[in-house]
């Protein structure tokens, strides 16, 4: 059974890591960082419903027996 030749492994792994590093650096340079967010005012929309100005009470059928 022949022996496995591992003499080129170091060069192969080192070149692979270098290539991955360069590719990742190129990928990161294409992305821009987040800019400073501009403050925005959020306004709650006013809903016009007829029961907003009135007092309402909900009578549950089971609550009538608890009196």
N, C-alpha and C. Protein backbone atom coordinates (compact mmCIF):
# COMPACT_ATOMS: atom_id res chain seq x y z
N UNK A 1 0.85 -1.17 0.00
CA UNK A 1 0.00 0.00 0.00
C UNK A 1 0.90 1.25 0.00
N UNK A 2 0.68 2.14 -0.96
CA UNK A 2 1.57 3.31 -1.04
C UNK A 2 1.27 4.35 0.05
N UNK A 3 2.29 5.07 0.38
CA UNK A 3 2.16 6.13 1.37
C UNK A 3 1.51 7.36 0.72
N UNK A 4 0.75 8.10 1.55
CA UNK A 4 0.11 9.31 1.06
C UNK A 4 1.13 10.45 1.08
N UNK A 5 1.27 11.11 -0.04
CA UNK A 5 2.23 12.20 -0.14
C UNK A 5 1.59 13.48 0.41
N UNK A 6 2.07 13.97 1.53
CA UNK A 6 1.51 15.15 2.18
C UNK A 6 2.42 16.36 2.05
N UNK A 7 3.39 16.32 1.17
CA UNK A 7 4.35 17.41 1.08
C UNK A 7 3.73 18.69 0.52
N UNK A 8 2.69 18.58 -0.29
CA UNK A 8 2.09 19.78 -0.89
C UNK A 8 0.87 20.29 -0.12
N UNK A 9 0.53 19.62 0.97
CA UNK A 9 -0.66 20.02 1.72
C UNK A 9 -0.53 21.42 2.30
N UNK A 10 0.61 21.71 2.86
CA UNK A 10 0.81 23.03 3.47
C UNK A 10 0.62 24.14 2.44
N UNK A 11 1.17 23.99 1.28
CA UNK A 11 1.04 25.00 0.22
C UNK A 11 -0.41 25.10 -0.25
N UNK A 12 -1.07 23.97 -0.38
CA UNK A 12 -2.45 23.97 -0.83
C UNK A 12 -3.36 24.65 0.19
N UNK A 13 -3.21 24.30 1.44
CA UNK A 13 -4.06 24.89 2.49
C UNK A 13 -3.76 26.38 2.64
N UNK A 14 -2.52 26.75 2.60
CA UNK A 14 -2.16 28.16 2.72
C UNK A 14 -2.70 28.98 1.56
N UNK A 15 -2.62 28.47 0.36
CA UNK A 15 -3.15 29.21 -0.79
C UNK A 15 -4.67 29.27 -0.75
N UNK A 16 -5.29 28.20 -0.25
CA UNK A 16 -6.74 28.22 -0.11
C UNK A 16 -7.19 29.28 0.90
N UNK A 17 -6.51 29.34 2.03
CA UNK A 17 -6.86 30.34 3.04
C UNK A 17 -6.62 31.76 2.54
N UNK A 18 -5.55 31.96 1.84
CA UNK A 18 -5.27 33.27 1.28
C UNK A 18 -6.33 33.67 0.25
N UNK A 19 -6.72 32.73 -0.58
CA UNK A 19 -7.77 33.01 -1.57
C UNK A 19 -9.10 33.33 -0.90
N UNK A 20 -9.44 32.56 0.12
CA UNK A 20 -10.69 32.83 0.85
C UNK A 20 -10.65 34.20 1.52
N UNK A 21 -9.51 34.54 2.09
CA UNK A 21 -9.38 35.85 2.73
C UNK A 21 -9.56 36.98 1.71
N UNK A 22 -8.94 36.84 0.56
CA UNK A 22 -9.05 37.88 -0.48
C UNK A 22 -10.48 37.97 -0.99
N UNK A 23 -11.11 36.83 -1.20
CA UNK A 23 -12.50 36.86 -1.69
C UNK A 23 -13.44 37.49 -0.67
N UNK A 24 -13.22 37.19 0.61
CA UNK A 24 -14.07 37.78 1.64
C UNK A 24 -13.84 39.29 1.74
N UNK A 25 -12.61 39.71 1.60
CA UNK A 25 -12.32 41.14 1.64
C UNK A 25 -12.97 41.85 0.46
N UNK A 26 -12.94 41.25 -0.69
CA UNK A 26 -13.59 41.85 -1.85
C UNK A 26 -15.11 41.90 -1.67
N UNK A 27 -15.63 40.87 -1.05
CA UNK A 27 -17.07 40.84 -0.81
C UNK A 27 -17.48 41.92 0.19
N UNK A 28 -16.67 42.11 1.22
CA UNK A 28 -16.98 43.11 2.24
C UNK A 28 -16.83 44.53 1.72
N UNK A 29 -15.93 44.75 0.79
CA UNK A 29 -15.75 46.11 0.29
C UNK A 29 -16.90 46.54 -0.62
N UNK A 30 -17.64 45.58 -1.15
CA UNK A 30 -18.78 45.93 -1.99
C UNK A 30 -19.99 46.38 -1.18
N UNK A 31 -20.02 46.04 0.09
CA UNK A 31 -21.14 46.42 0.94
C UNK A 31 -20.84 47.75 1.62
N UNK A 32 -21.80 48.61 1.59
CA UNK A 32 -21.62 49.88 2.28
C UNK A 32 -22.13 49.77 3.71
N UNK A 33 -21.53 50.52 4.57
CA UNK A 33 -21.95 50.50 5.96
C UNK A 33 -23.24 51.29 6.11
N UNK A 34 -23.91 51.05 7.22
CA UNK A 34 -25.15 51.75 7.47
C UNK A 34 -24.88 53.23 7.70
N UNK A 35 -25.66 54.05 7.08
CA UNK A 35 -25.52 55.49 7.30
C UNK A 35 -26.27 55.88 8.58
N UNK A 36 -26.04 57.09 9.02
CA UNK A 36 -26.70 57.56 10.23
C UNK A 36 -28.20 57.70 9.95
N UNK A 37 -29.03 57.09 10.77
CA UNK A 37 -30.47 57.20 10.52
C UNK A 37 -30.99 58.59 10.84
N UNK A 38 -31.88 59.06 10.03
CA UNK A 38 -32.49 60.36 10.25
C UNK A 38 -33.70 60.19 11.17
N UNK A 39 -33.82 61.04 12.18
CA UNK A 39 -34.98 60.90 13.07
C UNK A 39 -36.27 61.27 12.35
N UNK A 40 -37.25 60.45 12.56
CA UNK A 40 -38.56 60.72 11.96
C UNK A 40 -39.59 60.77 13.07
N UNK A 41 -40.55 61.60 12.87
CA UNK A 41 -41.62 61.69 13.85
C UNK A 41 -42.75 60.75 13.43
N UNK A 42 -43.14 59.95 14.37
CA UNK A 42 -44.23 59.03 14.09
C UNK A 42 -45.50 59.58 14.72
N UNK A 43 -46.48 59.77 13.92
CA UNK A 43 -47.75 60.29 14.40
C UNK A 43 -48.79 59.19 14.35
N UNK A 44 -49.51 59.09 15.42
CA UNK A 44 -50.55 58.08 15.50
C UNK A 44 -51.78 58.58 14.75
N UNK A 45 -52.29 57.79 13.81
CA UNK A 45 -53.46 58.25 13.07
C UNK A 45 -54.70 58.27 13.97
N UNK A 46 -55.48 59.27 13.80
CA UNK A 46 -56.70 59.43 14.58
C UNK A 46 -57.84 58.74 13.87
N UNK A 47 -58.44 57.79 14.56
CA UNK A 47 -59.56 57.06 13.99
C UNK A 47 -60.85 57.70 14.51
N UNK A 48 -61.73 57.97 13.61
CA UNK A 48 -63.00 58.55 14.04
C UNK A 48 -64.04 57.43 14.15
N UNK A 49 -64.26 57.02 15.37
CA UNK A 49 -65.28 56.00 15.64
C UNK A 49 -66.33 56.61 16.55
N UNK A 50 -67.55 56.20 16.43
CA UNK A 50 -68.62 56.84 17.22
C UNK A 50 -68.50 56.59 18.72
N UNK A 51 -67.82 55.55 19.15
CA UNK A 51 -67.77 55.26 20.57
C UNK A 51 -66.57 55.88 21.27
N UNK A 52 -65.79 56.66 20.57
CA UNK A 52 -64.65 57.29 21.23
C UNK A 52 -65.08 58.36 22.23
N UNK A 53 -66.11 59.09 21.92
CA UNK A 53 -66.52 60.17 22.82
C UNK A 53 -67.58 59.72 23.82
N UNK A 54 -68.08 58.53 23.69
CA UNK A 54 -69.11 58.04 24.60
C UNK A 54 -68.54 57.05 25.59
N UNK A 55 -69.22 56.94 26.72
CA UNK A 55 -68.87 55.91 27.68
C UNK A 55 -69.66 54.67 27.32
N UNK A 56 -68.97 53.56 27.22
CA UNK A 56 -69.65 52.32 26.88
C UNK A 56 -69.33 51.28 27.91
N UNK A 57 -70.23 50.39 28.13
CA UNK A 57 -70.03 49.29 29.07
C UNK A 57 -70.52 48.01 28.41
N UNK A 58 -69.72 46.97 28.57
CA UNK A 58 -70.10 45.69 28.00
C UNK A 58 -70.60 44.81 29.12
N UNK A 59 -71.80 44.31 28.98
CA UNK A 59 -72.36 43.41 29.95
C UNK A 59 -72.19 41.98 29.47
N UNK A 60 -71.46 41.22 30.25
CA UNK A 60 -71.28 39.83 29.90
C UNK A 60 -72.40 39.01 30.55
N UNK A 61 -72.88 37.99 29.89
CA UNK A 61 -73.97 37.19 30.47
C UNK A 61 -73.56 36.53 31.78
N UNK A 62 -72.31 36.12 31.93
CA UNK A 62 -71.88 35.44 33.15
C UNK A 62 -71.65 36.42 34.29
N UNK A 63 -71.41 37.67 33.99
CA UNK A 63 -71.17 38.61 35.07
C UNK A 63 -72.47 39.04 35.76
N UNK A 64 -73.57 38.81 35.12
CA UNK A 64 -74.85 39.18 35.75
C UNK A 64 -75.18 38.25 36.92
N UNK A 65 -74.71 37.03 36.90
CA UNK A 65 -74.99 36.08 37.96
C UNK A 65 -74.11 36.27 39.17
N UNK A 66 -73.05 37.04 39.05
CA UNK A 66 -72.13 37.23 40.14
C UNK A 66 -72.57 38.32 41.11
N UNK A 67 -73.65 38.97 40.87
CA UNK A 67 -74.07 40.08 41.72
C UNK A 67 -74.59 39.62 43.06
